[in-house]
PDB file of N, CA and C in Angstrom:
ATOM      1  N   MET A   1      12.700  16.136  11.301  1.00  0.00           N
ATOM      2  CA  MET A   1      11.314  15.895  11.351  1.00  0.00           C
ATOM      3  C   MET A   1      11.193  15.070  12.427  1.00  0.00           C
ATOM      4  N   LEU A   2      10.588  15.534  13.117  1.00  0.00           N
ATOM      5  CA  LEU A   2      10.028  15.210  14.681  1.00  0.00           C
ATOM      6  C   LEU A   2      10.020  13.656  14.925  1.00  0.00           C
ATOM      7  N   PHE A   3       8.747  13.078  13.682  1.00  0.00           N
ATOM      8  CA  PHE A   3       8.365  11.899  13.902  1.00  0.00           C
ATOM      9  C   PHE A   3       8.027  11.460  12.464  1.00  0.00           C
ATOM     10  N   PRO A   4       9.085  10.614  11.737  1.00  0.00           N
ATOM     11  CA  PRO A   4       9.198  10.178  10.247  1.00  0.00           C
ATOM     12  C   PRO A   4       8.021   9.470   9.910  1.00  0.00           C
ATOM     13  N   PHE A   5       7.218   9.076  10.898  1.00  0.00           N
ATOM     14  CA  PHE A   5       6.002   8.522  10.440  1.00  0.00           C
ATOM     15  C   PHE A   5       4.687   9.046  10.375  1.00  0.00           C
ATOM     16  N   PHE A   6       5.223  10.505  10.731  1.00  0.00           N
ATOM     17  CA  PHE A   6       3.757  11.632  10.343  1.00  0.00           C
ATOM     18  C   PHE A   6       4.175  12.595   9.698  1.00  0.00           C
ATOM     19  N   LEU A   7       3.171  13.492   9.096  1.00  0.00           N
ATOM     20  CA  LEU A   7       3.408  14.605   8.142  1.00  0.00           C
ATOM     21  C   LEU A   7       2.665  15.276   9.070  1.00  0.00           C
ATOM     22  N   VAL A   8       3.460  16.628   9.338  1.00  0.00           N
ATOM     23  CA  VAL A   8       2.766  17.471  10.120  1.00  0.00           C
ATOM     24  C   VAL A   8       2.402  18.771   9.892  1.00  0.00           C
ATOM     25  N   TYR A   9       1.022  19.061   9.700  1.00  0.00           N
ATOM     26  CA  TYR A   9       0.583  20.158   8.923  1.00  0.00           C
ATOM     27  C   TYR A   9       0.033  21.284   9.933  1.00  0.00           C
ATOM     28  N   LEU A  10       0.512  22.150  10.011  1.00  0.00           N
ATOM     29  CA  LEU A  10       0.031  23.681  10.703  1.00  0.00           C
ATOM     30  C   LEU A  10      -0.884  24.264  10.323  1.00  0.00           C
ATOM     31  N   LEU A  11      -2.135  24.407  11.225  1.00  0.00           N
ATOM     32  CA  LEU A  11      -2.974  24.814  10.792  1.00  0.00           C
ATOM     33  C   LEU A  11      -3.273  26.469  11.085  1.00  0.00           C
ATOM     34  N   SER A  12      -2.605  26.690  12.075  1.00  0.00           N
ATOM     35  CA  SER A  12      -2.357  28.144  12.610  1.00  0.00           C
ATOM     36  C   SER A  12      -1.083  27.978  13.659  1.00  0.00           C
ATOM     37  N   GLU A  13      -0.895  28.999  14.476  1.00  0.00           N
ATOM     38  CA  GLU A  13       0.108  29.075  15.292  1.00  0.00           C
ATOM     39  C   GLU A  13      -0.200  27.956  16.610  1.00  0.00           C
ATOM     40  N   ASN A  14      -1.397  27.594  16.826  1.00  0.00           N
ATOM     41  CA  ASN A  14      -1.818  26.639  17.854  1.00  0.00           C
ATOM     42  C   ASN A  14      -2.348  25.204  17.467  1.00  0.00           C
ATOM     43  N   GLU A  15      -2.524  25.321  16.173  1.00  0.00           N
ATOM     44  CA  GLU A  15      -2.848  24.005  15.762  1.00  0.00           C
ATOM     45  C   GLU A  15      -2.554  23.234  14.821  1.00  0.00           C
ATOM     46  N   SER A  16      -2.241  22.194  14.745  1.00  0.00           N
ATOM     47  CA  SER A  16      -1.419  21.123  13.829  1.00  0.00           C
ATOM     48  C   SER A  16      -2.394  19.703  13.611  1.00  0.00           C
ATOM     49  N   ILE A  17      -2.336  19.452  12.534  1.00  0.00           N
ATOM     50  CA  ILE A  17      -2.594  17.983  12.123  1.00  0.00           C
ATOM     51  C   ILE A  17      -1.440  17.057  11.957  1.00  0.00           C
ATOM     52  N   PHE A  18      -1.425  15.716  12.693  1.00  0.00           N
ATOM     53  CA  PHE A  18      -0.517  14.978  12.225  1.00  0.00           C
ATOM     54  C   PHE A  18      -1.016  13.890  11.493  1.00  0.00           C
ATOM     55  N   ILE A  19      -0.518  13.698  10.299  1.00  0.00           N
ATOM     56  CA  ILE A  19      -1.133  12.500   9.209  1.00  0.00           C
ATOM     57  C   ILE A  19      -0.163  11.575   9.019  1.00  0.00           C
ATOM     58  N   MET A  20      -0.715  10.384   9.537  1.00  0.00           N
ATOM     59  CA  MET A  20       0.057   9.009   9.791  1.00  0.00           C
ATOM     60  C   MET A  20       0.378   8.460   7.968  1.00  0.00           C
ATOM     61  N   LYS A  21       2.060   8.237   8.079  1.00  0.00           N
ATOM     62  CA  LYS A  21       2.370   7.506   6.904  1.00  0.00           C
ATOM     63  C   LYS A  21       2.546   6.085   7.182  1.00  0.00           C
ATOM     64  N   VAL A  22       2.227   5.508   5.951  1.00  0.00           N
ATOM     65  CA  VAL A  22       2.559   3.943   6.230  1.00  0.00           C
ATOM     66  C   VAL A  22       3.437   3.419   4.388  1.00  0.00           C
ATOM     67  N   SER A  23       3.894   2.028   5.357  1.00  0.00           N
ATOM     68  CA  SER A  23       4.498   1.477   3.893  1.00  0.00           C
ATOM     69  C   SER A  23       3.729   0.129   4.018  1.00  0.00           C
ATOM     70  N   VAL A  24       3.304  -0.268   2.954  1.00  0.00           N
ATOM     71  CA  VAL A  24       2.730  -1.855   3.065  1.00  0.00           C
ATOM     72  C   VAL A  24       3.237  -2.551   1.956  1.00  0.00           C
ATOM     73  N   GLU A  25       3.852  -3.814   2.194  1.00  0.00           N
ATOM     74  CA  GLU A  25       4.226  -4.810   1.380  1.00  0.00           C
ATOM     75  C   GLU A  25       3.015  -5.935   1.122  1.00  0.00           C
ATOM     76  N   LEU A  26       3.227  -5.998  -0.036  1.00  0.00           N
ATOM     77  CA  LEU A  26       1.576  -6.966  -0.451  1.00  0.00           C
ATOM     78  C   LEU A  26       2.349  -8.227  -1.208  1.00  0.00           C
ATOM     79  N   THR A  27       1.806  -9.439  -0.916  1.00  0.00           N
ATOM     80  CA  THR A  27       1.931 -10.171  -1.936  1.00  0.00           C
ATOM     81  C   THR A  27       0.609 -11.149  -2.276  1.00  0.00           C
ATOM     82  N   LEU A  28       0.007 -11.027  -3.405  1.00  0.00           N
ATOM     83  CA  LEU A  28      -1.257 -11.809  -3.774  1.00  0.00           C
ATOM     84  C   LEU A  28      -1.101 -12.901  -4.463  1.00  0.00           C
ATOM     85  N   SER A  29      -1.671 -14.077  -3.848  1.00  0.00           N
ATOM     86  CA  SER A  29      -1.533 -15.341  -4.252  1.00  0.00           C
ATOM     87  C   SER A  29      -2.734 -16.287  -4.838  1.00  0.00           C
ATOM     88  N   PRO A  30      -3.236 -15.689  -5.957  1.00  0.00           N
ATOM     89  CA  PRO A  30      -4.363 -16.921  -6.024  1.00  0.00           C
ATOM     90  C   PRO A  30      -4.337 -18.104  -6.091  1.00  0.00           C
ATOM     91  N   LEU A  31      -5.150 -18.973  -5.459  1.00  0.00           N
ATOM     92  CA  LEU A  31      -4.864 -20.383  -5.609  1.00  0.00           C
ATOM     93  C   LEU A  31      -5.537 -20.796  -6.410  1.00  0.00           C
ATOM     94  N   GLN A  32      -5.342 -20.735  -8.033  1.00  0.00           N
ATOM     95  CA  GLN A  32      -6.061 -21.566  -8.850  1.00  0.00           C
ATOM     96  C   GLN A  32      -4.916 -21.344 -10.345  1.00  0.00           C
ATOM     97  N   ASP A  33      -5.197 -22.187 -10.989  1.00  0.00           N
ATOM     98  CA  ASP A  33      -4.492 -22.224 -12.300  1.00  0.00           C
ATOM     99  C   ASP A  33      -3.907 -20.947 -12.583  1.00  0.00           C
ATOM    100  N   GLU A  34      -5.268 -20.267 -13.372  1.00  0.00           N
ATOM    101  CA  GLU A  34      -5.044 -19.013 -13.810  1.00  0.00           C
ATOM    102  C   GLU A  34      -4.996 -18.057 -12.839  1.00  0.00           C
ATOM    103  N   PHE A  35      -3.757 -17.585 -12.737  1.00  0.00           N
ATOM    104  CA  PHE A  35      -3.289 -16.857 -11.551  1.00  0.00           C
ATOM    105  C   PHE A  35      -2.851 -15.089 -12.198  1.00  0.00           C
ATOM    106  N   ARG A  36      -2.360 -15.064 -12.930  1.00  0.00           N
ATOM    107  CA  ARG A  36      -2.040 -13.657 -13.500  1.00  0.00           C
ATOM    108  C   ARG A  36      -2.737 -12.828 -13.865  1.00  0.00           C
ATOM    109  N   ALA A  37      -3.806 -12.966 -14.492  1.00  0.00           N
ATOM    110  CA  ALA A  37      -5.073 -12.058 -14.666  1.00  0.00           C
ATOM    111  C   ALA A  37      -5.173 -11.466 -13.214  1.00  0.00           C
ATOM    112  N   PRO A  38      -5.925 -11.983 -12.495  1.00  0.00           N
ATOM    113  CA  PRO A  38      -6.306 -11.191 -11.190  1.00  0.00           C
ATOM    114  C   PRO A  38      -5.295 -10.349 -10.463  1.00  0.00           C
ATOM    115  N   VAL A  39      -3.709 -10.736 -10.589  1.00  0.00           N
ATOM    116  CA  VAL A  39      -2.426 -10.316  -9.923  1.00  0.00           C
ATOM    117  C   VAL A  39      -2.380  -8.674 -10.884  1.00  0.00           C
ATOM    118  N   ILE A  40      -2.195  -9.062 -12.289  1.00  0.00           N
ATOM    119  CA  ILE A  40      -2.314  -8.059 -12.958  1.00  0.00           C
ATOM    120  C   ILE A  40      -3.492  -6.784 -12.690  1.00  0.00           C
ATOM    121  N   HIS A  41      -4.613  -7.272 -12.524  1.00  0.00           N
ATOM    122  CA  HIS A  41      -5.786  -6.521 -12.584  1.00  0.00           C
ATOM    123  C   HIS A  41      -5.556  -5.682 -11.019  1.00  0.00           C
ATOM    124  N   PHE A  42      -5.025  -6.605 -10.012  1.00  0.00           N
ATOM    125  CA  PHE A  42      -4.735  -6.203  -8.697  1.00  0.00           C
ATOM    126  C   PHE A  42      -3.569  -5.099  -9.325  1.00  0.00           C
ATOM    127  N   ILE A  43      -2.662  -4.905  -9.697  1.00  0.00           N
ATOM    128  CA  ILE A  43      -1.695  -4.221  -9.421  1.00  0.00           C
ATOM    129  C   ILE A  43      -1.725  -2.845 -10.232  1.00  0.00           C
ATOM    130  N   LYS A  44      -2.676  -3.113 -11.463  1.00  0.00           N
ATOM    131  CA  LYS A  44      -3.091  -1.808 -12.368  1.00  0.00           C
ATOM    132  C   LYS A  44      -3.688  -0.955 -11.671  1.00  0.00           C
ATOM    133  N   LYS A  45      -4.983  -1.595 -10.903  1.00  0.00           N
ATOM    134  CA  LYS A  45      -5.900  -0.737 -10.014  1.00  0.00           C
ATOM    135  C   LYS A  45      -5.217   0.055  -8.938  1.00  0.00           C
ATOM    136  N   LEU A  46      -3.997  -0.621  -8.274  1.00  0.00           N
ATOM    137  CA  LEU A  46      -3.020  -0.154  -7.548  1.00  0.00           C
ATOM    138  C   LEU A  46      -2.378   1.443  -7.999  1.00  0.00           C
ATOM    139  N   ARG A  47      -1.925   0.901  -9.171  1.00  0.00           N
ATOM    140  CA  ARG A  47      -1.414   1.914  -9.956  1.00  0.00           C
ATOM    141  C   ARG A  47      -2.128   3.435 -10.126  1.00  0.00           C
ATOM    142  N   THR A  48      -3.216   3.423 -10.168  1.00  0.00           N
ATOM    143  CA  THR A  48      -4.251   4.280 -10.884  1.00  0.00           C
ATOM    144  C   THR A  48      -4.661   4.879  -9.239  1.00  0.00           C
ATOM    145  N   SER A  49      -4.221   4.446  -8.339  1.00  0.00           N
ATOM    146  CA  SER A  49      -5.195   4.910  -7.103  1.00  0.00           C
ATOM    147  C   SER A  49      -4.374   6.427  -6.479  1.00  0.00           C
ATOM    148  N   GLY A  50      -3.295   6.794  -7.078  1.00  0.00           N
ATOM    149  CA  GLY A  50      -2.559   7.854  -6.875  1.00  0.00           C
ATOM    150  C   GLY A  50      -1.414   7.808  -5.716  1.00  0.00           C
ATOM    151  N   LEU A  51      -1.456   6.518  -4.888  1.00  0.00           N
ATOM    152  CA  LEU A  51      -0.337   6.306  -4.260  1.00  0.00           C
ATOM    153  C   LEU A  51       0.612   6.215  -4.721  1.00  0.00           C
ATOM    154  N   ILE A  52       1.665   5.969  -3.911  1.00  0.00           N
ATOM    155  CA  ILE A  52       3.064   5.736  -4.680  1.00  0.00           C
ATOM    156  C   ILE A  52       3.068   4.122  -4.414  1.00  0.00           C
ATOM    157  N   VAL A  53       3.406   3.516  -5.913  1.00  0.00           N
ATOM    158  CA  VAL A  53       3.427   1.891  -5.780  1.00  0.00           C
ATOM    159  C   VAL A  53       4.672   1.724  -6.386  1.00  0.00           C
ATOM    160  N   TYR A  54       5.574   0.617  -6.060  1.00  0.00           N
ATOM    161  CA  TYR A  54       6.529   0.151  -6.604  1.00  0.00           C
ATOM    162  C   TYR A  54       6.135  -1.528  -6.625  1.00  0.00           C
ATOM    163  N   GLU A  55       6.910  -1.838  -7.859  1.00  0.00           N
ATOM    164  CA  GLU A  55       6.991  -3.376  -7.887  1.00  0.00           C
ATOM    165  C   GLU A  55       8.005  -4.226  -8.092  1.00  0.00           C
ATOM    166  N   ASN A  56       8.225  -5.559  -7.797  1.00  0.00           N
ATOM    167  CA  ASN A  56       9.187  -6.225  -8.175  1.00  0.00           C
ATOM    168  C   ASN A  56       8.705  -7.673  -8.211  1.00  0.00           C
ATOM    169  N   PRO A  57       9.547  -8.585  -8.776  1.00  0.00           N
ATOM    170  CA  PRO A  57       9.039  -9.924  -8.927  1.00  0.00           C
ATOM    171  C   PRO A  57       8.494 -10.689  -7.667  1.00  0.00           C
ATOM    172  N   LEU A  58       8.328 -10.344  -6.626  1.00  0.00           N
ATOM    173  CA  LEU A  58       7.952 -10.972  -5.431  1.00  0.00           C
ATOM    174  C   LEU A  58       6.832 -10.191  -4.556  1.00  0.00           C
ATOM    175  N   SER A  59       6.638  -9.186  -4.760  1.00  0.00           N
ATOM    176  CA  SER A  59       5.759  -8.287  -3.890  1.00  0.00           C
ATOM    177  C   SER A  59       5.419  -6.870  -4.835  1.00  0.00           C
ATOM    178  N   THR A  60       4.469  -6.138  -4.301  1.00  0.00           N
ATOM    179  CA  THR A  60       3.932  -4.709  -4.245  1.00  0.00           C
ATOM    180  C   THR A  60       4.442  -3.942  -3.243  1.00  0.00           C
ATOM    181  N   GLN A  61       4.863  -3.109  -3.277  1.00  0.00           N
ATOM    182  CA  GLN A  61       4.970  -1.826  -2.190  1.00  0.00           C
ATOM    183  C   GLN A  61       4.239  -0.859  -2.155  1.00  0.00           C
ATOM    184  N   VAL A  62       3.490  -0.540  -1.112  1.00  0.00           N
ATOM    185  CA  VAL A  62       2.350   0.780  -1.682  1.00  0.00           C
ATOM    186  C   VAL A  62       2.644   2.017  -0.330  1.00  0.00           C
ATOM    187  N   TYR A  63       2.801   3.018  -0.372  1.00  0.00           N
ATOM    188  CA  TYR A  63       3.290   4.089   0.239  1.00  0.00           C
ATOM    189  C   TYR A  63       2.094   4.906   0.370  1.00  0.00           C
ATOM    190  N   GLY A  64       1.800   5.477   1.457  1.00  0.00           N
ATOM    191  CA  GLY A  64       1.117   7.009   1.672  1.00  0.00           C
ATOM    192  C   GLY A  64       0.676   7.198   2.967  1.00  0.00           C
ATOM    193  N   GLU A  65      -0.205   8.049   2.712  1.00  0.00           N
ATOM    194  CA  GLU A  65      -1.324   8.391   4.328  1.00  0.00           C
ATOM    195  C   GLU A  65      -2.324   7.444   4.717  1.00  0.00           C
ATOM    196  N   TYR A  66      -2.068   6.939   5.985  1.00  0.00           N
ATOM    197  CA  TYR A  66      -2.551   5.499   6.250  1.00  0.00           C
ATOM    198  C   TYR A  66      -4.168   5.487   5.906  1.00  0.00           C
ATOM    199  N   ASP A  67      -5.143   6.524   6.194  1.00  0.00           N
ATOM    200  CA  ASP A  67      -6.456   6.421   5.602  1.00  0.00           C
ATOM    201  C   ASP A  67      -6.588   5.884   4.546  1.00  0.00           C
ATOM    202  N   ARG A  68      -5.870   6.701   3.668  1.00  0.00           N
ATOM    203  CA  ARG A  68      -5.753   6.479   2.421  1.00  0.00           C
ATOM    204  C   ARG A  68      -5.474   4.852   1.360  1.00  0.00           C
ATOM    205  N   VAL A  69      -4.210   4.916   2.315  1.00  0.00           N
ATOM    206  CA  VAL A  69      -3.756   3.444   1.728  1.00  0.00           C
ATOM    207  C   VAL A  69      -5.095   2.356   2.250  1.00  0.00           C
ATOM    208  N   MET A  70      -5.799   2.339   3.588  1.00  0.00           N
ATOM    209  CA  MET A  70      -6.384   1.332   3.757  1.00  0.00           C
ATOM    210  C   MET A  70      -7.504   1.666   3.106  1.00  0.00           C
ATOM    211  N   GLU A  71      -8.088   2.741   2.864  1.00  0.00           N
ATOM    212  CA  GLU A  71      -9.323   2.549   2.241  1.00  0.00           C
ATOM    213  C   GLU A  71      -8.950   2.015   0.473  1.00  0.00           C
ATOM    214  N   VAL A  72      -8.117   2.102   0.191  1.00  0.00           N
ATOM    215  CA  VAL A  72      -7.680   1.843  -1.539  1.00  0.00           C
ATOM    216  C   VAL A  72      -7.526  -0.082  -1.260  1.00  0.00           C
ATOM    217  N   LEU A  73      -6.727  -0.265  -0.387  1.00  0.00           N
ATOM    218  CA  LEU A  73      -6.592  -1.694  -0.120  1.00  0.00           C
ATOM    219  C   LEU A  73      -7.714  -2.552   0.121  1.00  0.00           C
ATOM    220  N   THR A  74      -9.118  -1.725   1.149  1.00  0.00           N
ATOM    221  CA  THR A  74      -9.918  -2.533   1.559  1.00  0.00           C
ATOM    222  C   THR A  74     -10.794  -2.742  -0.059  1.00  0.00           C
ATOM    223  N   ASN A  75     -10.767  -1.510  -0.801  1.00  0.00           N
ATOM    224  CA  ASN A  75     -11.786  -1.516  -2.040  1.00  0.00           C
ATOM    225  C   ASN A  75     -11.037  -2.498  -2.802  1.00  0.00           C
ATOM    226  N   GLU A  76      -9.742  -2.672  -2.933  1.00  0.00           N
ATOM    227  CA  GLU A  76      -8.927  -3.438  -4.450  1.00  0.00           C
ATOM    228  C   GLU A  76      -8.669  -4.885  -3.730  1.00  0.00           C
ATOM    229  N   VAL A  77      -8.599  -5.207  -2.633  1.00  0.00           N
ATOM    230  CA  VAL A  77      -8.401  -6.608  -1.864  1.00  0.00           C
ATOM    231  C   VAL A  77      -9.654  -7.216  -2.322  1.00  0.00           C
ATOM    232  N   LYS A  78     -11.046  -6.336  -1.912  1.00  0.00           N
ATOM    233  CA  LYS A  78     -12.217  -7.144  -1.689  1.00  0.00           C
ATOM    234  C   LYS A  78     -12.724  -7.276  -3.374  1.00  0.00           C
ATOM    235  N   GLU A  79     -12.404  -6.408  -4.480  1.00  0.00           N
ATOM    236  CA  GLU A  79     -12.211  -6.530  -5.785  1.00  0.00           C
ATOM    237  C   GLU A  79     -11.650  -7.687  -6.083  1.00  0.00           C
ATOM    238  N   VAL A  80     -10.570  -8.055  -6.069  1.00  0.00           N
ATOM    239  CA  VAL A  80      -9.441  -9.107  -6.536  1.00  0.00           C
ATOM    240  C   VAL A  80      -9.734 -10.202  -6.116  1.00  0.00           C
ATOM    241  N   PHE A  81     -10.455 -10.417  -4.797  1.00  0.00           N
ATOM    242  CA  PHE A  81     -11.120 -11.625  -4.206  1.00  0.00           C
ATOM    243  C   PHE A  81     -12.499 -12.112  -4.757  1.00  0.00           C
ATOM    244  N   ASP A  82     -13.240 -11.005  -5.205  1.00  0.00           N
ATOM    245  CA  ASP A  82     -14.195 -11.541  -6.204  1.00  0.00           C
ATOM    246  C   ASP A  82     -14.205 -12.132  -7.692  1.00  0.00           C
ATOM    247  N   LEU A  83     -12.655 -11.858  -8.098  1.00  0.00           N
ATOM    248  CA  LEU A  83     -12.356 -12.260  -9.153  1.00  0.00           C
ATOM    249  C   LEU A  83     -11.641 -13.794  -9.138  1.00  0.00           C
ATOM    250  N   VAL A  84     -11.397 -14.133  -7.689  1.00  0.00           N
ATOM    251  CA  VAL A  84     -10.742 -15.602  -7.790  1.00  0.00           C
ATOM    252  C   VAL A  84     -11.771 -16.681  -7.042  1.00  0.00           C
ATOM    253  N   GLU A  85     -11.724 -17.810  -7.678  1.00  0.00           N
ATOM    254  CA  GLU A  85     -12.093 -18.932  -6.757  1.00  0.00           C
ATOM    255  C   GLU A  85     -11.729 -18.570  -5.171  1.00  0.00           C
ATOM    256  N   ASN A  86     -10.249 -19.093  -4.973  1.00  0.00           N
ATOM    257  CA  ASN A  86      -9.498 -19.081  -3.348  1.00  0.00           C
ATOM    258  C   ASN A  86      -8.180 -18.079  -3.958  1.00  0.00           C
ATOM    259  N   GLY A  87      -7.922 -17.556  -2.809  1.00  0.00           N
ATOM    260  CA  GLY A  87      -6.744 -16.731  -3.059  1.00  0.00           C
ATOM    261  C   GLY A  87      -6.253 -16.561  -1.377  1.00  0.00           C
ATOM    262  N   LEU A  88      -5.001 -15.849  -1.425  1.00  0.00           N
ATOM    263  CA  LEU A  88      -4.654 -15.308  -0.129  1.00  0.00           C
ATOM    264  C   LEU A  88      -3.605 -14.042  -0.400  1.00  0.00           C
ATOM    265  N   ILE A  89      -3.789 -13.050   0.515  1.00  0.00           N
ATOM    266  CA  ILE A  89      -2.714 -12.234   0.431  1.00  0.00           C
ATOM    267  C   ILE A  89      -2.093 -11.765   1.550  1.00  0.00           C
ATOM    268  N   TYR A  90      -0.725 -11.614   1.430  1.00  0.00           N
ATOM    269  CA  TYR A  90       0.379 -11.293   2.289  1.00  0.00           C
ATOM    270  C   TYR A  90       0.248  -9.940   2.895  1.00  0.00           C
ATOM    271  N   ILE A  91       0.058  -9.184   4.077  1.00  0.00           N
ATOM    272  CA  ILE A  91       0.233  -8.164   3.778  1.00  0.00           C
ATOM    273  C   ILE A  91       1.256  -7.492   5.392  1.00  0.00           C
ATOM    274  N   LYS A  92       2.012  -6.628   4.891  1.00  0.00           N
ATOM    275  CA  LYS A  92       2.959  -6.334   5.826  1.00  0.00           C
ATOM    276  C   LYS A  92       3.026  -4.583   6.108  1.00  0.00           C
ATOM    277  N   ILE A  93       2.540  -4.235   7.070  1.00  0.00           N
ATOM    278  CA  ILE A  93       2.548  -2.665   7.220  1.00  0.00           C
ATOM    279  C   ILE A  93       3.479  -2.219   8.359  1.00  0.00           C
ATOM    280  N   VAL A  94       4.189  -1.302   7.793  1.00  0.00           N
ATOM    281  CA  VAL A  94       5.359  -0.592   8.578  1.00  0.00           C
ATOM    282  C   VAL A  94       4.580   1.058   8.614  1.00  0.00           C
ATOM    283  N   LYS A  95       4.748   1.402   9.992  1.00  0.00           N
ATOM    284  CA  LYS A  95       4.450   2.750  10.420  1.00  0.00           C
ATOM    285  C   LYS A  95       5.403   3.740   9.971  1.00  0.00           C
ATOM    286  N   SER A  96       5.536   3.807   8.948  1.00  0.00           N
ATOM    287  CA  SER A  96       6.734   5.189   8.328  1.00  0.00           C
ATOM    288  C   SER A  96       6.442   4.563   6.815  1.00  0.00           C
ATOM    289  N   ASP A  97       6.705   6.182   6.418  1.00  0.00           N
ATOM    290  CA  ASP A  97       6.911   6.080   4.629  1.00  0.00           C
ATOM    291  C   ASP A  97       8.515   5.641   4.595  1.00  0.00           C
ATOM    292  N   ARG A  98       8.405   4.637   3.999  1.00  0.00           N
ATOM    293  CA  ARG A  98      10.011   3.955   3.551  1.00  0.00           C
ATOM    294  C   ARG A  98      10.203   4.047   2.015  1.00  0.00           C
ATOM    295  N   HIS A  99       9.496   4.862   1.189  1.00  0.00           N
ATOM    296  CA  HIS A  99       9.965   4.806  -0.044  1.00  0.00           C
ATOM    297  C   HIS A  99      11.273   4.898  -0.557  1.00  0.00           C
ATOM    298  N   GLU A 100      11.528   6.011   0.391  1.00  0.00           N
ATOM    299  CA  GLU A 100      13.104   6.951  -0.058  1.00  0.00           C
ATOM    300  C   GLU A 100      14.484   5.986   0.551  1.00  0.00           C
ATOM    301  N   TYR A 101      13.993   4.828   0.774  1.00  0.00           N
ATOM    302  CA  TYR A 101      15.024   4.021   1.808  1.00  0.00           C
ATOM    303  C   TYR A 101      15.888   3.544   0.701  1.00  0.00           C
ATOM    304  N   GLU A 102      17.354   3.549   1.092  1.00  0.00           N
ATOM    305  CA  GLU A 102      18.602   3.145   0.480  1.00  0.00           C
ATOM    306  C   GLU A 102      19.382   2.298   1.459  1.00  0.00           C
ATOM    307  N   PRO A 103      19.541   1.099   0.904  1.00  0.00           N
ATOM    308  CA  PRO A 103      20.371   0.187   1.688  1.00  0.00           C
ATOM    309  C   PRO A 103      21.773   1.224   2.018  1.00  0.00           C
ATOM    310  N   TYR A 104      22.052   1.120   3.113  1.00  0.00           N
ATOM    311  CA  TYR A 104      23.579   1.803   3.329  1.00  0.00           C
ATOM    312  C   TYR A 104      24.813   0.882   3.336  1.00  0.00           C
ATOM    313  N   PHE A 105      24.974  -0.468   3.122  1.00  0.00           N
ATOM    314  CA  PHE A 105      26.193  -1.120   2.803  1.00  0.00           C
ATOM    315  C   PHE A 105      26.038  -1.524   1.109  1.00  0.00           C
TER     316      PHE A 105
END
């Protein structure tokens, strides 16, 4: 593939569309005693988004087309922030789809 961070759709012999793919790492930290329910709610909403979602004890990774990922995150971060008194979210965005990455060592 010429551009690992793009999907290329050929419309015709002379036209194509480049779709940017991203990988996002999220860590949600409600700053309150009851933190489990908002985190679980957030992850469950991401799971139903149609995006590729991987979870581990420290963070959640989301993979997909840039515009769709940003749309989902905009909506779901706002919703979870409405559920908590105080909170923060760390977001790392990589311009490529890394969901198939495997360490080489």
